[in-house]
Structures are given as C-alpha cells and as structure tokens.
N, C-alpha and C. Protein backbone atom coordinates (compact mmCIF):
# COMPACT_ATOMS: atom_id res chain seq x y z
N MET A 1 -80.49 256.62 73.16
CA MET A 1 -81.08 256.22 71.90
C MET A 1 -80.05 256.44 70.80
N PRO A 2 -79.80 255.42 69.96
CA PRO A 2 -78.86 255.61 68.86
C PRO A 2 -79.33 256.72 67.91
N LYS A 3 -78.36 257.43 67.33
CA LYS A 3 -78.74 258.58 66.52
C LYS A 3 -79.55 258.20 65.29
N HIS A 4 -79.35 257.00 64.73
CA HIS A 4 -80.14 256.64 63.56
C HIS A 4 -81.62 256.47 63.91
N TYR A 5 -81.92 256.04 65.13
CA TYR A 5 -83.31 255.98 65.54
C TYR A 5 -83.87 257.38 65.78
N MET A 6 -83.04 258.28 66.25
CA MET A 6 -83.48 259.66 66.41
C MET A 6 -83.79 260.28 65.03
N PHE A 7 -82.91 260.02 64.05
CA PHE A 7 -83.17 260.50 62.69
C PHE A 7 -84.47 259.92 62.14
N LEU A 8 -84.68 258.63 62.36
CA LEU A 8 -85.89 257.98 61.87
C LEU A 8 -87.13 258.55 62.55
N PHE A 9 -87.05 258.76 63.86
CA PHE A 9 -88.17 259.35 64.59
C PHE A 9 -88.48 260.76 64.07
N LEU A 10 -87.44 261.55 63.81
CA LEU A 10 -87.65 262.90 63.25
C LEU A 10 -88.26 262.81 61.84
N ALA A 11 -87.83 261.83 61.06
CA ALA A 11 -88.40 261.64 59.72
C ALA A 11 -89.89 261.33 59.81
N ILE A 12 -90.26 260.49 60.77
CA ILE A 12 -91.67 260.13 60.95
C ILE A 12 -92.47 261.33 61.43
N LEU A 13 -91.93 262.07 62.39
CA LEU A 13 -92.65 263.25 62.91
C LEU A 13 -92.86 264.31 61.84
N THR A 14 -91.82 264.60 61.05
CA THR A 14 -91.95 265.64 60.03
C THR A 14 -92.86 265.19 58.89
N GLU A 15 -92.84 263.88 58.57
CA GLU A 15 -93.77 263.37 57.56
C GLU A 15 -95.20 263.46 58.07
N THR A 16 -95.40 263.16 59.32
CA THR A 16 -96.73 263.24 59.93
C THR A 16 -97.23 264.68 59.93
N ALA A 17 -96.36 265.61 60.26
CA ALA A 17 -96.74 267.03 60.23
C ALA A 17 -97.08 267.46 58.81
N GLY A 18 -96.27 267.04 57.85
CA GLY A 18 -96.53 267.39 56.45
C GLY A 18 -97.85 266.83 55.95
N THR A 19 -98.14 265.59 56.29
CA THR A 19 -99.38 264.97 55.85
C THR A 19 -100.59 265.60 56.54
N SER A 20 -100.45 265.93 57.81
CA SER A 20 -101.53 266.62 58.52
C SER A 20 -101.80 267.98 57.88
N ALA A 21 -100.74 268.68 57.54
CA ALA A 21 -100.89 269.99 56.89
C ALA A 21 -101.49 269.84 55.49
N LEU A 22 -101.24 268.71 54.84
CA LEU A 22 -101.83 268.47 53.52
C LEU A 22 -103.35 268.49 53.60
N GLN A 23 -103.89 267.87 54.64
CA GLN A 23 -105.34 267.92 54.86
C GLN A 23 -105.79 269.35 55.14
N ALA A 24 -105.03 270.05 55.97
CA ALA A 24 -105.39 271.42 56.35
C ALA A 24 -105.19 272.42 55.20
N SER A 25 -104.35 272.10 54.23
CA SER A 25 -104.09 273.03 53.13
C SER A 25 -105.26 273.18 52.18
N GLN A 26 -106.22 272.26 52.28
CA GLN A 26 -107.40 272.27 51.42
C GLN A 26 -106.99 272.34 49.95
N GLN A 27 -106.24 271.32 49.54
CA GLN A 27 -105.74 271.17 48.17
C GLN A 27 -104.83 272.34 47.76
N PHE A 28 -103.95 272.73 48.66
CA PHE A 28 -102.97 273.79 48.46
C PHE A 28 -103.61 275.16 48.20
N THR A 29 -104.78 275.41 48.78
CA THR A 29 -105.42 276.73 48.64
C THR A 29 -105.16 277.62 49.85
N ARG A 30 -104.53 277.07 50.90
CA ARG A 30 -104.19 277.85 52.09
C ARG A 30 -102.66 277.88 52.19
N LEU A 31 -102.09 279.08 52.29
CA LEU A 31 -100.64 279.26 52.17
C LEU A 31 -99.85 278.60 53.30
N VAL A 32 -100.16 278.90 54.54
CA VAL A 32 -99.34 278.40 55.65
C VAL A 32 -99.33 276.87 55.70
N PRO A 33 -100.49 276.20 55.66
CA PRO A 33 -100.43 274.73 55.64
C PRO A 33 -99.69 274.18 54.42
N SER A 34 -99.80 274.86 53.29
CA SER A 34 -99.09 274.41 52.08
C SER A 34 -97.58 274.49 52.26
N ILE A 35 -97.11 275.53 52.91
CA ILE A 35 -95.68 275.67 53.20
C ILE A 35 -95.24 274.56 54.17
N ILE A 36 -96.07 274.27 55.17
CA ILE A 36 -95.74 273.21 56.12
C ILE A 36 -95.65 271.86 55.41
N VAL A 37 -96.49 271.62 54.42
CA VAL A 37 -96.42 270.37 53.64
C VAL A 37 -95.06 270.23 52.99
N VAL A 38 -94.63 271.26 52.27
CA VAL A 38 -93.37 271.20 51.53
C VAL A 38 -92.18 271.06 52.49
N VAL A 39 -92.16 271.87 53.53
CA VAL A 39 -91.06 271.81 54.50
C VAL A 39 -91.08 270.48 55.24
N GLY A 40 -92.26 270.02 55.64
CA GLY A 40 -92.38 268.75 56.38
C GLY A 40 -91.87 267.57 55.57
N TYR A 41 -92.28 267.48 54.31
CA TYR A 41 -91.82 266.37 53.48
C TYR A 41 -90.33 266.49 53.17
N GLY A 42 -89.87 267.72 52.93
CA GLY A 42 -88.44 267.91 52.68
C GLY A 42 -87.59 267.46 53.85
N LEU A 43 -87.97 267.89 55.05
CA LEU A 43 -87.23 267.47 56.25
C LEU A 43 -87.34 265.97 56.48
N SER A 44 -88.51 265.42 56.21
CA SER A 44 -88.70 263.99 56.41
C SER A 44 -87.75 263.19 55.53
N PHE A 45 -87.66 263.54 54.26
CA PHE A 45 -86.76 262.81 53.37
C PHE A 45 -85.30 263.05 53.73
N TYR A 46 -84.98 264.23 54.23
CA TYR A 46 -83.61 264.49 54.68
C TYR A 46 -83.26 263.58 55.85
N PHE A 47 -84.13 263.53 56.86
CA PHE A 47 -83.85 262.68 58.02
C PHE A 47 -83.88 261.19 57.65
N MET A 48 -84.74 260.83 56.70
CA MET A 48 -84.75 259.44 56.26
C MET A 48 -83.43 259.11 55.56
N ALA A 49 -82.92 260.03 54.77
CA ALA A 49 -81.62 259.81 54.10
C ALA A 49 -80.51 259.63 55.13
N LEU A 50 -80.53 260.40 56.20
CA LEU A 50 -79.54 260.23 57.27
C LEU A 50 -79.67 258.86 57.92
N THR A 51 -80.89 258.40 58.09
CA THR A 51 -81.13 257.09 58.68
C THR A 51 -80.56 255.98 57.80
N LEU A 52 -80.62 256.18 56.48
CA LEU A 52 -80.16 255.15 55.54
C LEU A 52 -78.65 254.92 55.62
N ARG A 53 -77.91 255.78 56.29
CA ARG A 53 -76.49 255.52 56.51
C ARG A 53 -76.29 254.33 57.45
N TYR A 54 -77.29 254.02 58.26
CA TYR A 54 -77.16 253.03 59.31
C TYR A 54 -78.09 251.82 59.15
N MET A 55 -79.16 251.98 58.39
CA MET A 55 -80.17 250.92 58.29
C MET A 55 -80.52 250.70 56.83
N PRO A 56 -80.92 249.47 56.46
CA PRO A 56 -81.31 249.20 55.07
C PRO A 56 -82.62 249.91 54.70
N VAL A 57 -82.73 250.25 53.44
CA VAL A 57 -83.87 251.04 52.96
C VAL A 57 -85.20 250.34 53.20
N GLY A 58 -85.28 249.03 53.03
CA GLY A 58 -86.55 248.33 53.23
C GLY A 58 -87.03 248.42 54.66
N ILE A 59 -86.11 248.30 55.60
CA ILE A 59 -86.47 248.38 57.02
C ILE A 59 -86.87 249.81 57.38
N VAL A 60 -86.10 250.78 56.92
CA VAL A 60 -86.40 252.19 57.19
C VAL A 60 -87.77 252.56 56.64
N TYR A 61 -88.02 252.17 55.40
CA TYR A 61 -89.28 252.53 54.77
C TYR A 61 -90.46 251.85 55.45
N ALA A 62 -90.28 250.59 55.87
CA ALA A 62 -91.36 249.88 56.56
C ALA A 62 -91.73 250.58 57.86
N ILE A 63 -90.73 250.97 58.61
CA ILE A 63 -90.98 251.64 59.89
C ILE A 63 -91.56 253.03 59.66
N TRP A 64 -90.96 253.77 58.74
CA TRP A 64 -91.40 255.14 58.44
C TRP A 64 -92.85 255.17 57.98
N SER A 65 -93.16 254.32 57.01
CA SER A 65 -94.52 254.35 56.48
C SER A 65 -95.52 253.74 57.46
N GLY A 66 -95.13 252.67 58.16
CA GLY A 66 -96.05 252.04 59.10
C GLY A 66 -96.43 252.93 60.25
N LEU A 67 -95.43 253.52 60.90
CA LEU A 67 -95.75 254.42 62.01
C LEU A 67 -96.42 255.69 61.51
N GLY A 68 -96.07 256.13 60.31
CA GLY A 68 -96.74 257.29 59.72
C GLY A 68 -98.24 257.05 59.55
N ILE A 69 -98.59 255.84 59.09
CA ILE A 69 -100.01 255.49 58.93
C ILE A 69 -100.74 255.56 60.26
N VAL A 70 -100.15 254.98 61.27
CA VAL A 70 -100.78 254.96 62.59
C VAL A 70 -100.91 256.38 63.15
N PHE A 71 -99.83 257.15 63.07
CA PHE A 71 -99.88 258.53 63.60
C PHE A 71 -100.90 259.38 62.84
N ILE A 72 -100.94 259.26 61.52
CA ILE A 72 -101.88 260.05 60.73
C ILE A 72 -103.32 259.66 61.05
N ALA A 73 -103.57 258.38 61.24
CA ALA A 73 -104.93 257.95 61.62
C ALA A 73 -105.32 258.56 62.96
N ALA A 74 -104.39 258.58 63.91
CA ALA A 74 -104.67 259.17 65.22
C ALA A 74 -104.92 260.67 65.10
N ILE A 75 -104.11 261.35 64.31
CA ILE A 75 -104.30 262.80 64.11
C ILE A 75 -105.60 263.06 63.38
N GLY A 76 -105.91 262.24 62.37
CA GLY A 76 -107.18 262.39 61.65
C GLY A 76 -108.37 262.28 62.57
N TRP A 77 -108.29 261.34 63.51
CA TRP A 77 -109.38 261.17 64.48
C TRP A 77 -109.44 262.34 65.44
N TRP A 78 -108.28 262.72 65.98
CA TRP A 78 -108.23 263.73 67.04
C TRP A 78 -108.47 265.15 66.51
N VAL A 79 -107.81 265.51 65.41
CA VAL A 79 -107.87 266.88 64.91
C VAL A 79 -109.00 267.10 63.92
N PHE A 80 -109.19 266.13 63.01
CA PHE A 80 -110.15 266.32 61.93
C PHE A 80 -111.47 265.57 62.13
N GLY A 81 -111.60 264.86 63.25
CA GLY A 81 -112.84 264.15 63.54
C GLY A 81 -113.13 262.99 62.62
N GLN A 82 -112.11 262.40 62.01
CA GLN A 82 -112.30 261.27 61.10
C GLN A 82 -112.38 259.98 61.90
N ARG A 83 -113.34 259.15 61.57
CA ARG A 83 -113.54 257.89 62.30
C ARG A 83 -112.76 256.76 61.63
N VAL A 84 -112.29 255.83 62.45
CA VAL A 84 -111.60 254.64 61.97
C VAL A 84 -112.39 253.44 62.49
N ASP A 85 -112.80 252.53 61.58
CA ASP A 85 -113.59 251.39 62.02
C ASP A 85 -112.69 250.25 62.52
N LEU A 86 -113.33 249.20 63.03
CA LEU A 86 -112.61 248.09 63.64
C LEU A 86 -111.63 247.41 62.67
N PRO A 87 -112.01 247.11 61.42
CA PRO A 87 -111.03 246.50 60.53
C PRO A 87 -109.79 247.38 60.30
N ALA A 88 -109.98 248.69 60.23
CA ALA A 88 -108.84 249.59 60.07
C ALA A 88 -107.96 249.57 61.32
N MET A 89 -108.57 249.55 62.50
CA MET A 89 -107.79 249.48 63.73
C MET A 89 -107.02 248.17 63.83
N LEU A 90 -107.66 247.06 63.43
CA LEU A 90 -106.98 245.77 63.44
C LEU A 90 -105.80 245.78 62.47
N GLY A 91 -106.00 246.36 61.31
CA GLY A 91 -104.91 246.46 60.33
C GLY A 91 -103.75 247.28 60.86
N MET A 92 -104.04 248.38 61.51
CA MET A 92 -102.97 249.19 62.09
C MET A 92 -102.28 248.47 63.23
N GLY A 93 -103.04 247.67 63.97
CA GLY A 93 -102.43 246.85 65.01
C GLY A 93 -101.45 245.85 64.41
N MET A 94 -101.81 245.30 63.26
CA MET A 94 -100.89 244.37 62.58
C MET A 94 -99.65 245.08 62.07
N ILE A 95 -99.81 246.33 61.63
CA ILE A 95 -98.65 247.11 61.21
C ILE A 95 -97.70 247.31 62.39
N ILE A 96 -98.24 247.70 63.52
CA ILE A 96 -97.41 247.88 64.72
C ILE A 96 -96.75 246.57 65.11
N ALA A 97 -97.50 245.47 65.03
CA ALA A 97 -96.92 244.16 65.35
C ALA A 97 -95.77 243.84 64.40
N GLY A 98 -95.92 244.16 63.13
CA GLY A 98 -94.84 243.93 62.17
C GLY A 98 -93.60 244.74 62.48
N ILE A 99 -93.80 245.97 62.88
CA ILE A 99 -92.65 246.82 63.25
C ILE A 99 -91.96 246.24 64.49
N LEU A 100 -92.74 245.76 65.44
CA LEU A 100 -92.14 245.14 66.63
C LEU A 100 -91.36 243.88 66.28
N VAL A 101 -91.89 243.08 65.36
CA VAL A 101 -91.17 241.88 64.92
C VAL A 101 -89.83 242.27 64.30
N ILE A 102 -89.82 243.30 63.48
CA ILE A 102 -88.58 243.76 62.87
C ILE A 102 -87.57 244.15 63.95
N HIS A 103 -88.02 244.95 64.90
CA HIS A 103 -87.10 245.44 65.94
C HIS A 103 -86.65 244.36 66.91
N LEU A 104 -87.53 243.46 67.25
CA LEU A 104 -87.19 242.49 68.28
C LEU A 104 -86.49 241.24 67.74
N PHE A 105 -86.75 240.87 66.48
CA PHE A 105 -86.25 239.59 66.01
C PHE A 105 -85.37 239.65 64.77
N SER A 106 -85.42 240.73 64.00
CA SER A 106 -84.67 240.79 62.75
C SER A 106 -83.24 241.27 62.98
N LYS A 107 -82.33 240.62 62.32
CA LYS A 107 -80.94 241.07 62.34
C LYS A 107 -80.68 242.05 61.21
N SER A 108 -81.70 242.34 60.39
CA SER A 108 -81.58 243.27 59.28
C SER A 108 -81.81 244.72 59.69
N ALA A 109 -82.17 244.96 60.94
CA ALA A 109 -82.55 246.31 61.37
C ALA A 109 -81.41 247.30 61.32
N THR A 110 -80.18 246.85 61.34
CA THR A 110 -79.04 247.76 61.20
C THR A 110 -78.00 247.14 60.28
N HIS A 111 -77.15 247.99 59.71
CA HIS A 111 -76.08 247.49 58.83
C HIS A 111 -75.02 246.80 59.66
C-alpha cells in the first residue's frame, strides 16, 4: 500500500475515534473522552497534511469526509444504538460509490 494511502487511512481512523469520543464526552464534561477528541482530531489533521504531499486537497477531503461519515454512522449504530433509516443508508452508499469512482476512474487521485 502506498504510504499516502496509509496516511489517509490513519487520518480517517483518528478522525473517527475523535468524533466517537465527542459523543462520549457528553459536551466535554467527561475528561478522558474529551482528551481523545483533541488528540484524535490533532492526529487526523496531521496525517491529512502528510497525505496532501501526494494527493490534491479536494480528493483527500472527499475521501476523508466520506469514509468518516460511513464509519461514524456504523459506530453510532454499533456503540451508541443510533438507528439509520433507508434514505440515510442509500446516501452513504452513494458516498462510497463516489469514492470508488474517484479511485477507479479519476486521474486526479495523485499528483
């Protein structure tokens, strides 16, 4: 796996951890989840910045935010018991399809 994809994957994972901890922090009233939020977002932006050495910002942000949405919805369902209805699932399916189109057909995916 090219290192820029590893950086992007780490950016997505740390953003997902930070966002999950944001829910668990209960509006920053719990210390440990609040620390995870700050560290998670900090690491996410660091890894995203490393990714930007190799890929254009629009492509990086589309992948980062799109997969983040899907992962957070899955974590919300699994950990927090939040339900996602059919239109939301269809929308997330379209996000994944868009990311696949970028990777499979776009020449803009790397510098």
